[in-house]
Amino acid sequence: MEEKIMAILNDICGADEGELEPDTDLFEEGILDSFGVITLFVEIEKQLGIKLEPTELTRDEIKSPALIIRQVLQRA
């Protein structure tokens, strides 16, 4: 499931496979913005059936690929 989440994230961010490191700060690096977060959550729900609510998560909880994966796995 982690690989699928990374593939979704890479697609939304326009990154090549392996380009994003697990600890990359997606907001600080300008890779992800609030619109991208919503798009990411919609794709995760569509492809994996796992719903993430933007109002329930802080920016610090989803600022890196590793943290996004953790949030998805906690809800799986």
Protein backbone atom coordinates (compact mmCIF):
# COMPACT_ATOMS: atom_id res chain seq x y z
CA MET A 1 0.00 0.00 0.00
CA GLU A 2 2.92 2.36 0.67
CA GLU A 3 4.03 2.10 -2.96
CA LYS A 4 0.52 2.92 -4.17
CA ILE A 5 0.35 5.98 -1.89
CA MET A 6 3.73 7.15 -3.19
CA ALA A 7 2.56 6.63 -6.78
CA ILE A 8 -0.53 8.77 -6.11
CA LEU A 9 1.61 11.43 -4.44
CA ASN A 10 4.16 11.43 -7.27
CA ASP A 11 1.38 11.81 -9.82
CA ILE A 12 -0.24 14.74 -8.02
CA CYS A 13 3.08 16.47 -7.34
CA GLY A 14 4.44 15.84 -10.82
CA ALA A 15 7.44 14.00 -9.39
CA ASP A 16 9.26 11.06 -10.92
CA GLU A 17 9.34 7.75 -9.05
CA GLY A 18 12.03 7.92 -6.36
CA GLU A 19 12.30 11.71 -6.56
CA LEU A 20 10.44 12.35 -3.30
CA GLU A 21 12.23 11.24 -0.14
CA PRO A 22 10.10 9.96 2.76
CA ASP A 23 11.06 12.95 4.91
CA THR A 24 10.73 15.67 2.24
CA ASP A 25 8.72 18.61 3.62
CA LEU A 26 6.20 18.88 0.81
CA PHE A 27 4.93 22.30 1.88
CA GLU A 28 8.30 23.87 2.65
CA GLU A 29 9.66 22.73 -0.72
CA GLY A 30 6.61 24.11 -2.53
CA ILE A 31 5.68 20.67 -3.84
CA LEU A 32 2.21 20.50 -2.29
CA ASP A 33 -0.35 23.20 -1.50
CA SER A 34 -3.86 23.13 -0.04
CA PHE A 35 -5.42 22.29 -3.42
CA GLY A 36 -2.92 19.47 -3.83
CA VAL A 37 -3.85 18.10 -0.40
CA ILE A 38 -7.52 17.93 -1.36
CA THR A 39 -6.64 16.29 -4.68
CA LEU A 40 -4.42 13.80 -2.84
CA PHE A 41 -7.15 12.91 -0.34
CA VAL A 42 -9.71 12.44 -3.13
CA GLU A 43 -7.35 10.14 -5.06
CA ILE A 44 -6.50 8.11 -1.95
CA GLU A 45 -10.19 7.61 -1.27
CA LYS A 46 -10.94 6.75 -4.91
CA GLN A 47 -8.04 4.34 -5.38
CA LEU A 48 -7.70 2.85 -1.89
CA GLY A 49 -11.12 3.38 -0.33
CA ILE A 50 -9.60 5.19 2.65
CA LYS A 51 -11.10 8.54 3.58
CA LEU A 52 -8.90 11.30 4.98
CA GLU A 53 -10.66 14.43 6.23
CA PRO A 54 -8.68 17.64 5.72
CA THR A 55 -10.39 19.19 8.75
CA GLU A 56 -9.14 16.38 11.00
CA LEU A 57 -5.45 16.62 10.05
CA THR A 58 -2.99 19.41 10.67
CA ARG A 59 -0.37 20.44 8.16
CA ASP A 60 2.33 18.99 10.44
CA GLU A 61 0.62 15.59 10.32
CA ILE A 62 0.80 15.40 6.52
CA LYS A 63 3.88 17.44 5.61
CA SER A 64 5.97 14.53 4.30
CA PRO A 65 5.35 11.35 2.33
CA ALA A 66 6.16 9.26 5.43
CA LEU A 67 3.59 11.13 7.52
CA ILE A 68 0.93 10.85 4.81
CA ILE A 69 1.56 7.11 4.59
CA ARG A 70 1.28 6.84 8.39
CA GLN A 71 -2.10 8.62 8.36
CA VAL A 72 -3.44 6.38 5.59
CA LEU A 73 -2.21 3.18 7.26
CA GLN A 74 -3.79 4.21 10.58
CA ARG A 75 -7.15 4.42 8.83
CA ALA A 76 -6.80 1.26 6.74
